[in-house]
């Protein structure tokens, strides 16, 4: 069994989920960032990932081949409508007294953040399991085959 591939797959998943988490935190941090026009308002971001297909060699178990896992496909700005709030005393209010805020849905961002956190934790568990299997294999090999 190619343990290095298992580590690589889990590591790529952890990297993707960390990026998803960081982007979601940035969206939440800018939830109340005002702008004087809807064009200047912060646009929330989304990370999309794609599976990295295993090579032909990996599918047939050659130990030297590497790959698999996931990779960041893109970080896209979401096209959401800005919230328009009437605050005439605000320093960034326009001539009609309106201030624009990002149209970020707090609840969906929190769900996205929790999902990224749980997926990251699942990848950590998978990597730990692979590490334990490698250690156990070395223990068995070091004892002359006696368990």
C-alpha atoms as a PDB file:
ATOM      1  CA  UNK A   1       0.000   0.000   0.000  1.00  0.00           C
ATOM      2  CA  UNK A   2       1.266   3.457  -0.880  1.00  0.00           C
ATOM      3  CA  UNK A   3       1.053   5.384   2.389  1.00  0.00           C
ATOM      4  CA  UNK A   4       2.625   8.466   0.824  1.00  0.00           C
ATOM      5  CA  UNK A   5      -0.408   8.795  -1.462  1.00  0.00           C
ATOM      6  CA  UNK A   6      -2.726   8.618   1.570  1.00  0.00           C
ATOM      7  CA  UNK A   7      -0.767  11.412   3.252  1.00  0.00           C
ATOM      8  CA  UNK A   8      -0.804  13.492   0.081  1.00  0.00           C
ATOM      9  CA  UNK A   9      -4.564  13.102  -0.384  1.00  0.00           C
ATOM     10  CA  UNK A  10      -5.285  14.106   3.209  1.00  0.00           C
ATOM     11  CA  UNK A  11      -2.842  17.019   3.027  1.00  0.00           C
ATOM     12  CA  UNK A  12      -4.464  18.363  -0.140  1.00  0.00           C
ATOM     13  CA  UNK A  13      -7.877  18.126   1.507  1.00  0.00           C
ATOM     14  CA  UNK A  14      -6.599  19.954   4.580  1.00  0.00           C
ATOM     15  CA  UNK A  15      -5.113  22.730   2.431  1.00  0.00           C
ATOM     16  CA  UNK A  16      -8.380  23.200   0.525  1.00  0.00           C
ATOM     17  CA  UNK A  17     -10.502  23.271   3.678  1.00  0.00           C
ATOM     18  CA  UNK A  18      -8.148  25.727   5.381  1.00  0.00           C
ATOM     19  CA  UNK A  19      -8.480  28.048   2.392  1.00  0.00           C
ATOM     20  CA  UNK A  20     -12.295  27.677   2.491  1.00  0.00           C
ATOM     21  CA  UNK A  21     -12.225  28.526   6.194  1.00  0.00           C
ATOM     22  CA  UNK A  22      -9.959  31.569   5.673  1.00  0.00           C
ATOM     23  CA  UNK A  23     -12.107  32.929   2.830  1.00  0.00           C
ATOM     24  CA  UNK A  24     -15.278  32.466   4.885  1.00  0.00           C
ATOM     25  CA  UNK A  25     -13.687  34.303   7.818  1.00  0.00           C
ATOM     26  CA  UNK A  26     -12.779  37.160   5.456  1.00  0.00           C
ATOM     27  CA  UNK A  27     -16.407  37.302   4.297  1.00  0.00           C
ATOM     28  CA  UNK A  28     -17.632  37.459   7.888  1.00  0.00           C
ATOM     29  CA  UNK A  29     -15.044  40.090   8.796  1.00  0.00           C
ATOM     30  CA  UNK A  30     -16.341  42.330   5.989  1.00  0.00           C
ATOM     31  CA  UNK A  31     -20.013  41.782   6.823  1.00  0.00           C
ATOM     32  CA  UNK A  32     -20.379  45.348   8.120  1.00  0.00           C
ATOM     33  CA  UNK A  33     -17.875  47.115   5.847  1.00  0.00           C
ATOM     34  CA  UNK A  34     -19.670  50.210   4.513  1.00  0.00           C
ATOM     35  CA  UNK A  35     -19.287  51.777   1.100  1.00  0.00           C
ATOM     36  CA  UNK A  36     -20.662  54.946  -0.448  1.00  0.00           C
ATOM     37  CA  UNK A  37     -21.930  53.120  -3.552  1.00  0.00           C
ATOM     38  CA  UNK A  38     -23.074  49.630  -4.436  1.00  0.00           C
ATOM     39  CA  UNK A  39     -20.142  49.333  -6.864  1.00  0.00           C
ATOM     40  CA  UNK A  40     -17.571  49.874  -4.111  1.00  0.00           C
ATOM     41  CA  UNK A  41     -18.988  47.371  -1.647  1.00  0.00           C
ATOM     42  CA  UNK A  42     -17.019  44.243  -0.651  1.00  0.00           C
ATOM     43  CA  UNK A  43     -17.918  41.220  -2.782  1.00  0.00           C
ATOM     44  CA  UNK A  44     -17.968  37.937  -0.855  1.00  0.00           C
ATOM     45  CA  UNK A  45     -15.733  35.138  -2.128  1.00  0.00           C
ATOM     46  CA  UNK A  46     -16.203  31.395  -2.629  1.00  0.00           C
ATOM     47  CA  UNK A  47     -13.576  28.687  -3.034  1.00  0.00           C
ATOM     48  CA  UNK A  48     -14.250  25.881  -5.473  1.00  0.00           C
ATOM     49  CA  UNK A  49     -12.227  22.707  -5.516  1.00  0.00           C
ATOM     50  CA  UNK A  50     -11.902  19.831  -7.924  1.00  0.00           C
ATOM     51  CA  UNK A  51     -10.762  16.264  -7.547  1.00  0.00           C
ATOM     52  CA  UNK A  52      -7.351  15.421  -8.895  1.00  0.00           C
ATOM     53  CA  UNK A  53      -7.860  12.150 -10.745  1.00  0.00           C
ATOM     54  CA  UNK A  54      -5.470   9.329 -10.028  1.00  0.00           C
ATOM     55  CA  UNK A  55      -3.048   8.559 -12.802  1.00  0.00           C
ATOM     56  CA  UNK A  56      -3.178   5.310 -14.742  1.00  0.00           C
ATOM     57  CA  UNK A  57      -0.146   4.060 -12.816  1.00  0.00           C
ATOM     58  CA  UNK A  58      -1.768   4.749  -9.446  1.00  0.00           C
ATOM     59  CA  UNK A  59      -4.929   2.913 -10.393  1.00  0.00           C
ATOM     60  CA  UNK A  60      -2.836  -0.228 -10.835  1.00  0.00           C
ATOM     61  CA  UNK A  61      -0.909   0.211  -7.603  1.00  0.00           C
ATOM     62  CA  UNK A  62       2.546   1.327  -8.684  1.00  0.00           C
ATOM     63  CA  UNK A  63       4.167   2.629  -5.506  1.00  0.00           C
ATOM     64  CA  UNK A  64       6.338   5.300  -7.136  1.00  0.00           C
ATOM     65  CA  UNK A  65       3.444   7.243  -8.697  1.00  0.00           C
ATOM     66  CA  UNK A  66       2.056  10.203  -6.769  1.00  0.00           C
ATOM     67  CA  UNK A  67      -1.056  12.321  -7.043  1.00  0.00           C
ATOM     68  CA  UNK A  68      -4.700  12.261  -6.140  1.00  0.00           C
ATOM     69  CA  UNK A  69      -6.577  14.383  -3.681  1.00  0.00           C
ATOM     70  CA  UNK A  70      -8.111  17.760  -4.404  1.00  0.00           C
ATOM     71  CA  UNK A  71      -6.904  21.089  -5.659  1.00  0.00           C
ATOM     72  CA  UNK A  72      -8.220  24.636  -5.590  1.00  0.00           C
ATOM     73  CA  UNK A  73     -10.018  25.247  -8.842  1.00  0.00           C
ATOM     74  CA  UNK A  74     -10.785  28.930  -8.283  1.00  0.00           C
ATOM     75  CA  UNK A  75     -11.661  31.656  -5.817  1.00  0.00           C
ATOM     76  CA  UNK A  76     -14.637  33.490  -7.258  1.00  0.00           C
ATOM     77  CA  UNK A  77     -16.451  36.630  -6.216  1.00  0.00           C
ATOM     78  CA  UNK A  78     -20.125  36.072  -5.621  1.00  0.00           C
ATOM     79  CA  UNK A  79     -22.544  38.299  -7.459  1.00  0.00           C
ATOM     80  CA  UNK A  80     -24.802  39.394  -4.606  1.00  0.00           C
ATOM     81  CA  UNK A  81     -26.872  42.529  -4.249  1.00  0.00           C
ATOM     82  CA  UNK A  82     -25.557  45.033  -1.724  1.00  0.00           C
ATOM     83  CA  UNK A  83     -27.725  45.964   1.264  1.00  0.00           C
ATOM     84  CA  UNK A  84     -28.844  49.570   1.128  1.00  0.00           C
ATOM     85  CA  UNK A  85     -29.342  51.155   4.550  1.00  0.00           C
ATOM     86  CA  UNK A  86     -30.614  54.676   5.181  1.00  0.00           C
ATOM     87  CA  UNK A  87     -28.080  56.298   7.544  1.00  0.00           C
ATOM     88  CA  UNK A  88     -27.900  60.011   6.702  1.00  0.00           C
ATOM     89  CA  UNK A  89     -25.382  60.780   9.467  1.00  0.00           C
ATOM     90  CA  UNK A  90     -22.879  58.134   8.365  1.00  0.00           C
ATOM     91  CA  UNK A  91     -19.609  59.517   6.950  1.00  0.00           C
ATOM     92  CA  UNK A  92     -19.910  57.309   3.871  1.00  0.00           C
ATOM     93  CA  UNK A  93     -23.544  58.074   3.134  1.00  0.00           C
ATOM     94  CA  UNK A  94     -24.329  59.116  -0.434  1.00  0.00           C
ATOM     95  CA  UNK A  95     -26.288  62.264  -1.367  1.00  0.00           C
ATOM     96  CA  UNK A  96     -29.592  60.536  -0.499  1.00  0.00           C
ATOM     97  CA  UNK A  97     -28.320  59.350   2.899  1.00  0.00           C
ATOM     98  CA  UNK A  98     -27.799  55.697   1.956  1.00  0.00           C
ATOM     99  CA  UNK A  99     -24.858  53.514   2.948  1.00  0.00           C
ATOM    100  CA  UNK A 100     -24.180  50.213   1.183  1.00  0.00           C
ATOM    101  CA  UNK A 101     -23.113  47.014   2.926  1.00  0.00           C
ATOM    102  CA  UNK A 102     -22.142  43.639   1.446  1.00  0.00           C
ATOM    103  CA  UNK A 103     -25.058  41.293   0.802  1.00  0.00           C
ATOM    104  CA  UNK A 104     -23.461  38.555   2.864  1.00  0.00           C
ATOM    105  CA  UNK A 105     -25.767  35.989   4.477  1.00  0.00           C
ATOM    106  CA  UNK A 106     -24.388  35.500   7.979  1.00  0.00           C
ATOM    107  CA  UNK A 107     -26.111  32.137   8.483  1.00  0.00           C
ATOM    108  CA  UNK A 108     -24.832  30.566   5.267  1.00  0.00           C
ATOM    109  CA  UNK A 109     -21.311  31.808   6.003  1.00  0.00           C
ATOM    110  CA  UNK A 110     -21.422  30.218   9.462  1.00  0.00           C
ATOM    111  CA  UNK A 111     -22.630  26.923   7.966  1.00  0.00           C
ATOM    112  CA  UNK A 112     -19.842  27.106   5.369  1.00  0.00           C
ATOM    113  CA  UNK A 113     -17.292  27.776   8.097  1.00  0.00           C
ATOM    114  CA  UNK A 114     -18.476  24.816  10.201  1.00  0.00           C
ATOM    115  CA  UNK A 115     -18.495  22.578   7.127  1.00  0.00           C
ATOM    116  CA  UNK A 116     -14.899  23.534   6.284  1.00  0.00           C
ATOM    117  CA  UNK A 117     -13.855  22.945   9.893  1.00  0.00           C
ATOM    118  CA  UNK A 118     -15.445  19.481  10.027  1.00  0.00           C
ATOM    119  CA  UNK A 119     -13.976  18.480   6.656  1.00  0.00           C
ATOM    120  CA  UNK A 120     -10.531  19.633   7.830  1.00  0.00           C
ATOM    121  CA  UNK A 121     -10.925  17.562  11.002  1.00  0.00           C
ATOM    122  CA  UNK A 122     -11.952  14.518   8.930  1.00  0.00           C
ATOM    123  CA  UNK A 123      -8.776  14.854   6.858  1.00  0.00           C
ATOM    124  CA  UNK A 124      -6.702  15.071  10.044  1.00  0.00           C
ATOM    125  CA  UNK A 125      -8.325  11.846  11.289  1.00  0.00           C
ATOM    126  CA  UNK A 126      -7.613  10.112   7.974  1.00  0.00           C
ATOM    127  CA  UNK A 127      -3.969  11.223   8.065  1.00  0.00           C
ATOM    128  CA  UNK A 128      -3.619  10.077  11.673  1.00  0.00           C
ATOM    129  CA  UNK A 129      -5.077   6.683  10.761  1.00  0.00           C
ATOM    130  CA  UNK A 130      -2.585   6.314   7.910  1.00  0.00           C
ATOM    131  CA  UNK A 131       0.261   7.328  10.242  1.00  0.00           C
ATOM    132  CA  UNK A 132      -0.867   4.733  12.778  1.00  0.00           C
ATOM    133  CA  UNK A 133      -0.983   2.071  10.069  1.00  0.00           C
ATOM    134  CA  UNK A 134       2.573   2.921   8.997  1.00  0.00           C
ATOM    135  CA  UNK A 135       3.806   2.803  12.601  1.00  0.00           C
ATOM    136  CA  UNK A 136       2.063  -0.516  13.198  1.00  0.00           C
ATOM    137  CA  UNK A 137       3.555  -1.944  10.002  1.00  0.00           C
ATOM    138  CA  UNK A 138       7.025  -0.918  11.158  1.00  0.00           C
ATOM    139  CA  UNK A 139       6.379  -2.457  14.589  1.00  0.00           C
ATOM    140  CA  UNK A 140       5.316  -5.759  13.039  1.00  0.00           C
ATOM    141  CA  UNK A 141       8.304  -5.741  10.704  1.00  0.00           C
ATOM    142  CA  UNK A 142      10.698  -4.971  13.570  1.00  0.00           C
ATOM    143  CA  UNK A 143       9.441  -7.913  15.670  1.00  0.00           C
ATOM    144  CA  UNK A 144      10.289 -10.514  13.062  1.00  0.00           C
ATOM    145  CA  UNK A 145       6.646 -10.906  12.093  1.00  0.00           C
ATOM    146  CA  UNK A 146       5.433 -11.611  15.641  1.00  0.00           C
ATOM    147  CA  UNK A 147       2.559  -9.453  16.811  1.00  0.00           C
END
